[in-house]
């Protein structure tokens, strides 16, 4: 473990960002942390939607085969946070090569999470494409429901889906819903 690249998790474990070990992935901690982590860097007027809620919603609009991948598609954010797409673009502009370095780090984290979950990594191309499309659909759906009419359009080619986005009253509610999805899809990952 690199002395400077590890961090604690809500499950009282440590997670090394440079050398992620599947045995260090804690899905209960992931659920708690994603349930507390705001999407949109908290910029949603008058409300908060968490990464955990977003992941559950993405899971609801994909095929059964893609659901475990959809639920975990932002799983790495439990240890790295939610870096918005505009931030990633800005970082690449300021530091060419940032995206490649970021992708290497995130790829290792994703691999550890999926190995621990017993899922193939990388996923089959059609599953990857389905989850990416659903992620974009939820992005524009959240934008439609959570931002005032007339807000600047997103640079994403996706149409919103016809479900209402109603942020949960507490992070505990999201945590329990995320754990329920884990129990349904990946029961072996929970204690």
N, C-alpha and C. Protein backbone atom coordinates (compact mmCIF):
# COMPACT_ATOMS: atom_id res chain seq x y z
N UNK A 1 0.85 -1.18 0.00
CA UNK A 1 0.00 0.00 0.00
C UNK A 1 0.89 1.24 0.00
N UNK A 2 0.59 2.16 -0.89
CA UNK A 2 1.30 3.43 -0.94
C UNK A 2 0.87 4.27 0.25
N UNK A 3 1.83 4.80 0.98
CA UNK A 3 1.53 5.55 2.20
C UNK A 3 0.64 6.76 1.95
N UNK A 4 0.65 7.31 0.76
CA UNK A 4 -0.11 8.53 0.50
C UNK A 4 -1.36 8.32 -0.35
N UNK A 5 -1.64 7.11 -0.81
CA UNK A 5 -2.76 6.93 -1.75
C UNK A 5 -3.92 6.13 -1.17
N UNK A 6 -3.95 5.93 0.11
CA UNK A 6 -5.07 5.19 0.71
C UNK A 6 -5.99 6.16 1.44
N UNK A 7 -7.22 5.73 1.63
CA UNK A 7 -8.17 6.52 2.37
C UNK A 7 -9.10 5.61 3.15
N UNK A 8 -9.71 6.12 4.22
CA UNK A 8 -10.65 5.30 4.99
C UNK A 8 -12.01 5.26 4.30
N UNK A 9 -12.79 4.23 4.60
CA UNK A 9 -14.16 4.14 4.11
C UNK A 9 -15.12 4.11 5.30
N UNK A 10 -16.40 4.26 5.01
CA UNK A 10 -17.41 4.23 6.07
C UNK A 10 -17.45 2.89 6.78
N UNK A 11 -16.91 1.86 6.14
CA UNK A 11 -16.88 0.54 6.75
C UNK A 11 -15.66 0.29 7.61
N UNK A 12 -14.92 1.36 7.88
CA UNK A 12 -13.72 1.30 8.72
C UNK A 12 -12.60 0.47 8.10
N UNK A 13 -12.61 0.38 6.79
CA UNK A 13 -11.51 -0.25 6.07
C UNK A 13 -10.72 0.85 5.40
N UNK A 14 -9.61 0.46 4.80
CA UNK A 14 -8.87 1.41 3.97
C UNK A 14 -8.91 0.92 2.53
N UNK A 15 -8.77 1.86 1.62
CA UNK A 15 -8.80 1.54 0.20
C UNK A 15 -7.65 2.29 -0.46
N UNK A 16 -6.79 1.56 -1.14
CA UNK A 16 -5.62 2.15 -1.80
C UNK A 16 -5.99 2.47 -3.25
N UNK A 17 -5.96 3.74 -3.60
CA UNK A 17 -6.36 4.17 -4.94
C UNK A 17 -5.38 3.73 -6.02
N UNK A 18 -4.10 3.57 -5.69
CA UNK A 18 -3.12 3.17 -6.69
C UNK A 18 -3.01 1.66 -6.84
N UNK A 19 -3.33 0.93 -5.79
CA UNK A 19 -3.26 -0.53 -5.82
C UNK A 19 -4.53 -1.11 -5.21
N UNK A 20 -5.67 -0.90 -5.86
CA UNK A 20 -6.92 -1.36 -5.27
C UNK A 20 -6.98 -2.89 -5.20
N UNK A 21 -7.38 -3.39 -4.06
CA UNK A 21 -7.49 -4.82 -3.82
C UNK A 21 -8.97 -5.17 -3.74
N UNK A 22 -9.44 -6.15 -4.52
CA UNK A 22 -10.86 -6.52 -4.43
C UNK A 22 -11.30 -6.84 -3.01
N UNK A 23 -10.42 -7.38 -2.20
CA UNK A 23 -10.78 -7.71 -0.81
C UNK A 23 -11.06 -6.47 0.03
N UNK A 24 -10.61 -5.31 -0.42
CA UNK A 24 -10.85 -4.06 0.31
C UNK A 24 -12.15 -3.37 -0.10
N UNK A 25 -12.82 -3.90 -1.12
CA UNK A 25 -14.09 -3.31 -1.56
C UNK A 25 -15.17 -3.70 -0.56
N UNK A 26 -15.83 -2.70 -0.02
CA UNK A 26 -16.86 -2.90 1.00
C UNK A 26 -18.17 -2.33 0.42
N UNK A 27 -19.08 -3.23 0.04
CA UNK A 27 -20.31 -2.78 -0.62
C UNK A 27 -21.28 -2.07 0.32
N UNK A 28 -21.24 -2.38 1.60
CA UNK A 28 -22.08 -1.66 2.55
C UNK A 28 -21.56 -0.22 2.68
N UNK A 29 -20.24 -0.07 2.79
CA UNK A 29 -19.65 1.28 2.83
C UNK A 29 -19.93 2.02 1.52
N UNK A 30 -19.82 1.31 0.39
CA UNK A 30 -20.12 1.93 -0.90
C UNK A 30 -21.54 2.47 -0.90
N UNK A 31 -22.48 1.66 -0.44
CA UNK A 31 -23.88 2.09 -0.41
C UNK A 31 -24.05 3.33 0.45
N UNK A 32 -23.46 3.32 1.64
CA UNK A 32 -23.59 4.48 2.53
C UNK A 32 -22.97 5.73 1.91
N UNK A 33 -21.75 5.59 1.41
CA UNK A 33 -21.05 6.76 0.88
C UNK A 33 -21.72 7.31 -0.38
N UNK A 34 -22.17 6.45 -1.29
CA UNK A 34 -22.86 6.93 -2.49
C UNK A 34 -24.20 7.56 -2.13
N UNK A 35 -24.82 7.11 -1.04
CA UNK A 35 -26.10 7.67 -0.60
C UNK A 35 -25.94 9.07 -0.03
N UNK A 36 -24.75 9.40 0.39
CA UNK A 36 -24.45 10.73 0.95
C UNK A 36 -23.82 11.67 -0.08
N UNK A 37 -23.33 11.14 -1.18
CA UNK A 37 -22.57 11.92 -2.16
C UNK A 37 -23.52 12.61 -3.15
N UNK A 38 -23.53 13.94 -3.21
CA UNK A 38 -24.47 14.62 -4.11
C UNK A 38 -24.04 14.56 -5.57
N UNK A 39 -25.04 14.39 -6.43
CA UNK A 39 -24.82 14.55 -7.86
C UNK A 39 -24.78 16.05 -8.14
N UNK A 40 -24.30 16.40 -9.31
CA UNK A 40 -24.31 17.79 -9.76
C UNK A 40 -23.56 18.71 -8.79
N UNK A 41 -22.58 18.20 -8.08
CA UNK A 41 -21.84 18.91 -7.03
C UNK A 41 -22.76 19.68 -6.10
N UNK A 42 -23.97 19.15 -5.89
CA UNK A 42 -24.92 19.77 -4.99
C UNK A 42 -25.61 20.99 -5.55
N UNK A 43 -25.49 21.25 -6.85
CA UNK A 43 -26.02 22.48 -7.44
C UNK A 43 -27.51 22.42 -7.77
N UNK A 44 -28.19 21.38 -7.38
CA UNK A 44 -29.62 21.24 -7.66
C UNK A 44 -30.40 22.17 -6.73
N UNK A 45 -31.10 23.16 -7.29
CA UNK A 45 -31.77 24.17 -6.46
C UNK A 45 -32.78 23.58 -5.48
N UNK A 46 -32.57 23.81 -4.19
CA UNK A 46 -33.53 23.45 -3.18
C UNK A 46 -33.61 21.97 -2.82
N UNK A 47 -32.76 21.12 -3.41
CA UNK A 47 -32.83 19.70 -3.14
C UNK A 47 -31.47 19.06 -3.39
N UNK A 48 -31.35 17.81 -3.06
CA UNK A 48 -30.13 17.05 -3.31
C UNK A 48 -30.54 15.69 -3.86
N UNK A 49 -29.88 15.26 -4.90
CA UNK A 49 -30.01 13.88 -5.36
C UNK A 49 -28.63 13.27 -5.23
N UNK A 50 -28.58 12.07 -4.71
CA UNK A 50 -27.28 11.45 -4.47
C UNK A 50 -26.86 10.55 -5.63
N UNK A 51 -25.59 10.24 -5.64
CA UNK A 51 -25.06 9.30 -6.62
C UNK A 51 -25.72 7.93 -6.43
N UNK A 52 -26.02 7.57 -5.19
CA UNK A 52 -26.72 6.32 -4.93
C UNK A 52 -28.09 6.28 -5.58
N UNK A 53 -28.87 7.37 -5.46
CA UNK A 53 -30.18 7.45 -6.11
C UNK A 53 -30.04 7.34 -7.62
N UNK A 54 -29.08 8.07 -8.15
CA UNK A 54 -28.83 8.04 -9.60
C UNK A 54 -28.53 6.61 -10.05
N UNK A 55 -27.69 5.91 -9.31
CA UNK A 55 -27.31 4.55 -9.69
C UNK A 55 -28.51 3.61 -9.68
N UNK A 56 -29.37 3.75 -8.67
CA UNK A 56 -30.59 2.95 -8.61
C UNK A 56 -31.48 3.25 -9.81
N UNK A 57 -31.62 4.53 -10.16
CA UNK A 57 -32.45 4.90 -11.31
C UNK A 57 -31.89 4.38 -12.62
N UNK A 58 -30.58 4.42 -12.79
CA UNK A 58 -29.97 3.86 -14.00
C UNK A 58 -30.27 2.36 -14.06
N UNK A 59 -30.17 1.71 -12.93
CA UNK A 59 -30.44 0.27 -12.85
C UNK A 59 -31.87 -0.06 -13.30
N UNK A 60 -32.81 0.84 -13.03
CA UNK A 60 -34.22 0.61 -13.34
C UNK A 60 -34.54 0.69 -14.84
N UNK A 61 -33.66 1.27 -15.63
CA UNK A 61 -34.00 1.46 -17.05
C UNK A 61 -33.14 0.63 -17.99
N UNK A 62 -32.43 -0.35 -17.46
CA UNK A 62 -31.62 -1.23 -18.31
C UNK A 62 -32.18 -2.65 -18.26
N UNK A 63 -31.69 -3.50 -19.14
CA UNK A 63 -32.09 -4.90 -19.15
C UNK A 63 -31.63 -5.60 -17.89
N UNK A 64 -32.25 -6.71 -17.58
CA UNK A 64 -31.87 -7.49 -16.38
C UNK A 64 -30.39 -7.83 -16.40
N UNK A 65 -29.88 -8.20 -17.56
CA UNK A 65 -28.46 -8.59 -17.69
C UNK A 65 -27.51 -7.44 -17.34
N UNK A 66 -27.94 -6.23 -17.65
CA UNK A 66 -27.08 -5.06 -17.40
C UNK A 66 -27.26 -4.46 -16.01
N UNK A 67 -28.27 -4.87 -15.26
CA UNK A 67 -28.57 -4.24 -13.99
C UNK A 67 -27.43 -4.24 -12.98
N UNK A 68 -26.71 -5.35 -12.77
CA UNK A 68 -25.60 -5.27 -11.79
C UNK A 68 -24.55 -4.23 -12.20
N UNK A 69 -24.27 -4.14 -13.49
CA UNK A 69 -23.30 -3.15 -13.97
C UNK A 69 -23.84 -1.73 -13.82
N UNK A 70 -25.13 -1.56 -14.05
CA UNK A 70 -25.74 -0.24 -13.91
C UNK A 70 -25.70 0.22 -12.46
N UNK A 71 -26.02 -0.69 -11.53
CA UNK A 71 -26.00 -0.33 -10.12
C UNK A 71 -24.60 0.09 -9.69
N UNK A 72 -23.58 -0.56 -10.23
CA UNK A 72 -22.20 -0.28 -9.83
C UNK A 72 -21.47 0.68 -10.76
N UNK A 73 -22.16 1.26 -11.75
CA UNK A 73 -21.45 2.06 -12.75
C UNK A 73 -20.72 3.26 -12.17
N UNK A 74 -21.20 3.80 -11.07
CA UNK A 74 -20.50 4.89 -10.37
C UNK A 74 -19.94 4.43 -9.04
N UNK A 75 -19.82 3.13 -8.85
CA UNK A 75 -19.34 2.58 -7.59
C UNK A 75 -18.02 3.15 -7.15
N UNK A 76 -17.14 3.40 -8.09
CA UNK A 76 -15.81 3.94 -7.75
C UNK A 76 -15.90 5.29 -7.06
N UNK A 77 -17.01 5.97 -7.25
CA UNK A 77 -17.15 7.30 -6.65
C UNK A 77 -17.22 7.23 -5.13
N UNK A 78 -17.43 6.05 -4.58
CA UNK A 78 -17.40 5.95 -3.12
C UNK A 78 -16.00 6.19 -2.58
N UNK A 79 -14.99 6.06 -3.41
CA UNK A 79 -13.62 6.35 -2.95
C UNK A 79 -12.97 7.53 -3.67
N UNK A 80 -13.55 8.00 -4.77
CA UNK A 80 -12.93 9.13 -5.47
C UNK A 80 -13.84 10.35 -5.58
N UNK A 81 -15.10 10.22 -5.20
CA UNK A 81 -16.03 11.34 -5.34
C UNK A 81 -16.60 11.42 -6.74
N UNK A 82 -17.49 12.38 -6.93
CA UNK A 82 -18.17 12.57 -8.21
C UNK A 82 -17.51 13.73 -8.95
N UNK A 83 -16.69 13.41 -9.91
CA UNK A 83 -16.05 14.45 -10.73
C UNK A 83 -16.94 14.71 -11.94
N UNK A 84 -17.51 15.89 -12.00
CA UNK A 84 -18.44 16.22 -13.08
C UNK A 84 -17.74 16.19 -14.43
N UNK A 85 -18.52 15.98 -15.46
CA UNK A 85 -17.97 15.98 -16.82
C UNK A 85 -17.31 17.31 -17.15
N UNK A 86 -17.92 18.47 -16.80
CA UNK A 86 -17.23 19.74 -17.09
C UNK A 86 -15.87 19.84 -16.38
N UNK A 87 -15.78 19.34 -15.14
CA UNK A 87 -14.50 19.37 -14.44
C UNK A 87 -13.47 18.52 -15.18
N UNK A 88 -13.87 17.36 -15.64
CA UNK A 88 -12.95 16.48 -16.37
C UNK A 88 -12.46 17.13 -17.66
N UNK A 89 -13.37 17.81 -18.36
CA UNK A 89 -12.99 18.52 -19.59
C UNK A 89 -12.00 19.64 -19.25
N UNK A 90 -12.29 20.39 -18.18
CA UNK A 90 -11.41 21.48 -17.78
C UNK A 90 -10.02 20.97 -17.39
N UNK A 91 -9.98 19.85 -16.66
CA UNK A 91 -8.69 19.28 -16.27
C UNK A 91 -7.89 18.83 -17.48
N UNK A 92 -8.53 18.21 -18.44
CA UNK A 92 -7.83 17.78 -19.66
C UNK A 92 -7.32 18.99 -20.42
N UNK A 93 -8.09 20.07 -20.44
CA UNK A 93 -7.66 21.30 -21.11
C UNK A 93 -6.41 21.88 -20.44
N UNK A 94 -6.42 21.91 -19.13
CA UNK A 94 -5.30 22.48 -18.37
C UNK A 94 -4.10 21.55 -18.31
N UNK A 95 -4.35 20.27 -18.27
CA UNK A 95 -3.28 19.29 -18.13
C UNK A 95 -3.49 18.15 -19.13
N UNK A 96 -3.03 18.34 -20.37
CA UNK A 96 -3.18 17.26 -21.34
C UNK A 96 -2.58 15.96 -20.79
N UNK A 97 -3.32 14.89 -20.97
CA UNK A 97 -2.91 13.61 -20.41
C UNK A 97 -3.63 13.28 -19.12
N UNK A 98 -4.34 14.29 -18.54
CA UNK A 98 -5.09 14.05 -17.31
C UNK A 98 -6.08 12.91 -17.49
N UNK A 99 -6.82 12.93 -18.59
CA UNK A 99 -7.86 11.93 -18.81
C UNK A 99 -7.27 10.52 -18.85
N UNK A 100 -6.13 10.36 -19.51
CA UNK A 100 -5.50 9.04 -19.59
C UNK A 100 -5.07 8.55 -18.21
N UNK A 101 -4.48 9.44 -17.41
CA UNK A 101 -4.08 9.06 -16.05
C UNK A 101 -5.30 8.72 -15.21
N UNK A 102 -6.31 9.57 -15.28
CA UNK A 102 -7.55 9.32 -14.54
C UNK A 102 -8.16 7.98 -14.95
N UNK A 103 -8.21 7.71 -16.24
CA UNK A 103 -8.80 6.46 -16.72
C UNK A 103 -8.04 5.23 -16.24
N UNK A 104 -6.71 5.34 -16.13
CA UNK A 104 -5.93 4.21 -15.60
C UNK A 104 -6.28 3.94 -14.14
N UNK A 105 -6.33 4.99 -13.34
CA UNK A 105 -6.66 4.85 -11.92
C UNK A 105 -8.08 4.31 -11.76
N UNK A 106 -9.03 4.93 -12.45
CA UNK A 106 -10.42 4.49 -12.33
C UNK A 106 -10.62 3.08 -12.87
N UNK A 107 -9.88 2.72 -13.90
CA UNK A 107 -9.97 1.36 -14.45
C UNK A 107 -9.56 0.31 -13.44
N UNK A 108 -8.50 0.60 -12.69
CA UNK A 108 -8.06 -0.35 -11.65
C UNK A 108 -9.10 -0.45 -10.53
N UNK A 109 -9.68 0.68 -10.16
CA UNK A 109 -10.71 0.67 -9.12
C UNK A 109 -11.94 -0.09 -9.62
N UNK A 110 -12.38 0.20 -10.84
CA UNK A 110 -13.53 -0.52 -11.41
C UNK A 110 -13.27 -2.02 -11.45
N UNK A 111 -12.07 -2.41 -11.85
CA UNK A 111 -11.74 -3.84 -11.92
C UNK A 111 -11.84 -4.47 -10.54
N UNK A 112 -11.31 -3.82 -9.51
CA UNK A 112 -11.37 -4.37 -8.15
C UNK A 112 -12.83 -4.52 -7.69
N UNK A 113 -13.65 -3.52 -7.97
CA UNK A 113 -15.06 -3.57 -7.56
C UNK A 113 -15.77 -4.73 -8.25
N UNK A 114 -15.57 -4.86 -9.55
CA UNK A 114 -16.28 -5.89 -10.31
C UNK A 114 -15.76 -7.30 -10.01
N UNK A 115 -14.46 -7.42 -9.79
CA UNK A 115 -13.93 -8.72 -9.38
C UNK A 115 -14.55 -9.13 -8.05
N UNK A 116 -14.58 -8.19 -7.09
CA UNK A 116 -15.19 -8.47 -5.78
C UNK A 116 -16.66 -8.84 -5.92
N UNK A 117 -17.35 -8.24 -6.90
CA UNK A 117 -18.77 -8.53 -7.13
C UNK A 117 -18.98 -9.82 -7.92
N UNK A 118 -17.90 -10.39 -8.46
CA UNK A 118 -18.03 -11.59 -9.27
C UNK A 118 -18.52 -11.31 -10.68
N UNK A 119 -18.31 -10.08 -11.14
CA UNK A 119 -18.74 -9.68 -12.49
C UNK A 119 -17.53 -9.58 -13.41
N UNK A 120 -17.73 -9.91 -14.66
CA UNK A 120 -16.65 -9.77 -15.64
C UNK A 120 -16.27 -8.30 -15.79
N UNK A 121 -14.97 -8.07 -15.89
CA UNK A 121 -14.48 -6.70 -16.16
C UNK A 121 -13.39 -6.78 -17.19
N UNK A 122 -13.46 -6.03 -18.26
CA UNK A 122 -14.54 -5.11 -18.59
C UNK A 122 -15.81 -5.86 -18.99
N UNK A 123 -16.95 -5.17 -18.93
CA UNK A 123 -18.19 -5.83 -19.31
C UNK A 123 -18.24 -6.05 -20.82
N UNK A 124 -19.14 -6.89 -21.25
CA UNK A 124 -19.36 -7.10 -22.68
C UNK A 124 -19.68 -5.75 -23.32
N UNK A 125 -19.23 -5.52 -24.55
CA UNK A 125 -19.45 -4.22 -25.20
C UNK A 125 -20.91 -3.78 -25.22
N UNK A 126 -21.83 -4.72 -25.42
CA UNK A 126 -23.25 -4.32 -25.48
C UNK A 126 -23.76 -3.89 -24.10
N UNK A 127 -23.25 -4.49 -23.03
CA UNK A 127 -23.64 -4.07 -21.67
C UNK A 127 -23.04 -2.70 -21.38
N UNK A 128 -21.80 -2.51 -21.73
CA UNK A 128 -21.16 -1.21 -21.52
C UNK A 128 -21.93 -0.11 -22.24
N UNK A 129 -22.32 -0.36 -23.48
CA UNK A 129 -23.06 0.63 -24.27
C UNK A 129 -24.44 0.90 -23.66
N UNK A 130 -25.11 -0.16 -23.21
CA UNK A 130 -26.44 0.01 -22.62
C UNK A 130 -26.36 0.84 -21.34
N UNK A 131 -25.39 0.56 -20.49
CA UNK A 131 -25.26 1.31 -19.24
C UNK A 131 -24.87 2.76 -19.52
N UNK A 132 -23.99 2.99 -20.46
CA UNK A 132 -23.59 4.36 -20.82
C UNK A 132 -24.79 5.15 -21.34
N UNK A 133 -25.58 4.52 -22.20
CA UNK A 133 -26.77 5.20 -22.73
C UNK A 133 -27.76 5.51 -21.60
N UNK A 134 -27.96 4.56 -20.69
CA UNK A 134 -28.88 4.77 -19.57
C UNK A 134 -28.36 5.87 -18.64
N UNK A 135 -27.06 5.94 -18.44
CA UNK A 135 -26.45 6.98 -17.61
C UNK A 135 -26.74 8.35 -18.23
N UNK A 136 -26.58 8.47 -19.54
CA UNK A 136 -26.86 9.74 -20.23
C UNK A 136 -28.35 10.09 -20.16
N UNK A 137 -29.21 9.07 -20.30
CA UNK A 137 -30.65 9.31 -20.20
C UNK A 137 -31.00 9.84 -18.82
N UNK A 138 -30.43 9.23 -17.78
CA UNK A 138 -30.71 9.71 -16.42
C UNK A 138 -30.14 11.10 -16.19
N UNK A 139 -29.01 11.41 -16.80
CA UNK A 139 -28.43 12.75 -16.68
C UNK A 139 -29.42 13.79 -17.19
N UNK A 140 -29.96 13.59 -18.39
CA UNK A 140 -30.89 14.59 -18.93
C UNK A 140 -32.24 14.56 -18.20
N UNK A 141 -32.64 13.38 -17.70
CA UNK A 141 -33.88 13.29 -16.93
C UNK A 141 -33.75 14.06 -15.62
N UNK A 142 -32.63 13.87 -14.93
CA UNK A 142 -32.39 14.63 -13.69
C UNK A 142 -32.37 16.12 -13.97
N UNK A 143 -31.70 16.50 -15.05
CA UNK A 143 -31.61 17.92 -15.41
C UNK A 143 -33.01 18.50 -15.62
N UNK A 144 -33.86 17.77 -16.33
CA UNK A 144 -35.22 18.23 -16.61
C UNK A 144 -36.01 18.42 -15.31
N UNK A 145 -35.87 17.50 -14.36
CA UNK A 145 -36.66 17.54 -13.14
C UNK A 145 -36.08 18.44 -12.05
N UNK A 146 -34.78 18.63 -12.03
CA UNK A 146 -34.16 19.29 -10.88
C UNK A 146 -33.70 20.72 -11.13
N UNK A 147 -33.68 21.14 -12.38
CA UNK A 147 -33.25 22.50 -12.70
C UNK A 147 -34.40 23.28 -13.28
N UNK A 148 -34.41 24.60 -13.10
CA UNK A 148 -35.54 25.40 -13.57
C UNK A 148 -35.67 25.35 -15.10
N UNK A 149 -36.91 25.51 -15.59
CA UNK A 149 -37.11 25.59 -17.04
C UNK A 149 -36.25 26.72 -17.61
N UNK A 150 -35.73 26.50 -18.77
CA UNK A 150 -34.87 27.50 -19.41
C UNK A 150 -33.41 27.37 -19.04
N UNK A 151 -33.07 26.38 -18.19
CA UNK A 151 -31.67 26.16 -17.85
C UNK A 151 -30.91 25.77 -19.12
N UNK A 152 -29.64 26.09 -19.14
CA UNK A 152 -28.80 25.79 -20.29
C UNK A 152 -28.85 24.29 -20.61
N UNK A 153 -29.00 23.97 -21.88
CA UNK A 153 -29.09 22.57 -22.31
C UNK A 153 -27.76 21.86 -22.09
N UNK A 154 -27.85 20.57 -21.85
CA UNK A 154 -26.66 19.76 -21.65
C UNK A 154 -26.10 19.31 -23.00
N UNK A 155 -24.79 19.19 -23.10
CA UNK A 155 -24.18 18.71 -24.35
C UNK A 155 -24.19 17.18 -24.44
N UNK A 156 -25.37 16.59 -24.25
CA UNK A 156 -25.52 15.14 -24.25
C UNK A 156 -26.64 14.80 -25.21
N UNK A 157 -26.39 13.82 -26.06
CA UNK A 157 -27.42 13.40 -27.02
C UNK A 157 -28.21 12.24 -26.43
N UNK A 158 -29.23 12.60 -25.65
CA UNK A 158 -30.11 11.60 -25.05
C UNK A 158 -31.43 12.29 -24.75
N UNK A 159 -32.51 11.53 -24.80
CA UNK A 159 -33.82 12.05 -24.45
C UNK A 159 -34.16 11.60 -23.03
N UNK A 160 -34.82 12.46 -22.28
CA UNK A 160 -35.19 12.06 -20.92
C UNK A 160 -36.19 10.91 -20.94
N UNK A 161 -36.15 10.13 -19.90
CA UNK A 161 -37.07 9.00 -19.74
C UNK A 161 -38.26 9.49 -18.91
N UNK A 162 -39.39 8.85 -19.07
CA UNK A 162 -40.62 9.29 -18.42
C UNK A 162 -40.78 8.83 -16.98
N UNK A 163 -39.76 9.00 -16.17
CA UNK A 163 -39.93 8.72 -14.74
C UNK A 163 -39.67 10.02 -13.98
N UNK A 164 -40.35 10.16 -12.88
CA UNK A 164 -40.17 11.36 -12.06
C UNK A 164 -38.95 11.18 -11.16
N UNK A 165 -38.19 12.23 -11.04
CA UNK A 165 -37.05 12.25 -10.14
C UNK A 165 -37.51 12.93 -8.86
N UNK A 166 -37.61 12.14 -7.81
CA UNK A 166 -38.03 12.66 -6.51
C UNK A 166 -36.96 12.28 -5.49
N UNK A 167 -36.07 13.21 -5.19
CA UNK A 167 -35.01 12.89 -4.23
C UNK A 167 -35.55 12.34 -2.92
N UNK A 168 -34.85 11.36 -2.40
CA UNK A 168 -35.23 10.72 -1.14
C UNK A 168 -35.13 11.70 0.02
N UNK A 169 -35.94 11.50 1.06
CA UNK A 169 -35.91 12.44 2.18
C UNK A 169 -34.62 12.40 2.99
N UNK A 170 -33.96 11.24 3.05
CA UNK A 170 -32.72 11.15 3.82
C UNK A 170 -31.75 10.22 3.10
N UNK A 171 -30.48 10.33 3.47
CA UNK A 171 -29.50 9.41 2.90
C UNK A 171 -29.76 7.98 3.36
N UNK A 172 -30.35 7.82 4.55
CA UNK A 172 -30.66 6.47 5.06
C UNK A 172 -31.63 5.74 4.12
N UNK A 173 -32.60 6.48 3.59
CA UNK A 173 -33.58 5.90 2.67
C UNK A 173 -32.87 5.37 1.43
N UNK A 174 -31.95 6.15 0.90
CA UNK A 174 -31.20 5.74 -0.30
C UNK A 174 -30.30 4.55 0.04
N UNK A 175 -29.64 4.61 1.17
CA UNK A 175 -28.75 3.53 1.60
C UNK A 175 -29.53 2.21 1.66
N UNK A 176 -30.70 2.20 2.26
CA UNK A 176 -31.51 0.98 2.35
C UNK A 176 -31.95 0.51 0.96
N UNK A 177 -32.32 1.44 0.09
CA UNK A 177 -32.74 1.07 -1.27
C UNK A 177 -31.57 0.50 -2.07
N UNK A 178 -30.39 1.09 -1.91
CA UNK A 178 -29.20 0.58 -2.61
C UNK A 178 -28.86 -0.82 -2.10
N UNK A 179 -28.90 -1.01 -0.78
CA UNK A 179 -28.64 -2.34 -0.22
C UNK A 179 -29.67 -3.35 -0.72
N UNK A 180 -30.93 -2.93 -0.86
CA UNK A 180 -31.96 -3.83 -1.37
C UNK A 180 -31.65 -4.27 -2.80
N UNK A 181 -31.16 -3.32 -3.60
CA UNK A 181 -30.78 -3.67 -4.98
C UNK A 181 -29.58 -4.61 -4.98
N UNK A 182 -28.61 -4.36 -4.11
CA UNK A 182 -27.48 -5.28 -4.00
C UNK A 182 -27.95 -6.68 -3.60
N UNK A 183 -28.88 -6.75 -2.63
CA UNK A 183 -29.40 -8.07 -2.21
C UNK A 183 -30.10 -8.78 -3.36
N UNK A 184 -30.81 -8.03 -4.17
CA UNK A 184 -31.54 -8.61 -5.30
C UNK A 184 -30.60 -9.08 -6.40
N UNK A 185 -29.60 -8.27 -6.71
CA UNK A 185 -28.74 -8.53 -7.87
C UNK A 185 -27.45 -9.27 -7.53
N UNK A 186 -26.86 -8.98 -6.37
CA UNK A 186 -25.55 -9.51 -6.00
C UNK A 186 -25.55 -9.91 -4.52
N UNK A 187 -26.42 -10.81 -4.13
CA UNK A 187 -26.57 -11.10 -2.69
C UNK A 187 -25.29 -11.60 -2.01
N UNK A 188 -24.40 -12.19 -2.76
CA UNK A 188 -23.16 -12.73 -2.20
C UNK A 188 -22.18 -11.66 -1.74
N UNK A 189 -22.40 -10.39 -2.11
CA UNK A 189 -21.44 -9.34 -1.74
C UNK A 189 -21.73 -8.72 -0.38
N UNK A 190 -22.87 -9.07 0.21
CA UNK A 190 -23.25 -8.49 1.50
C UNK A 190 -22.98 -9.47 2.63
N UNK A 191 -22.63 -8.93 3.81
CA UNK A 191 -22.37 -9.82 4.96
C UNK A 191 -23.66 -10.51 5.42
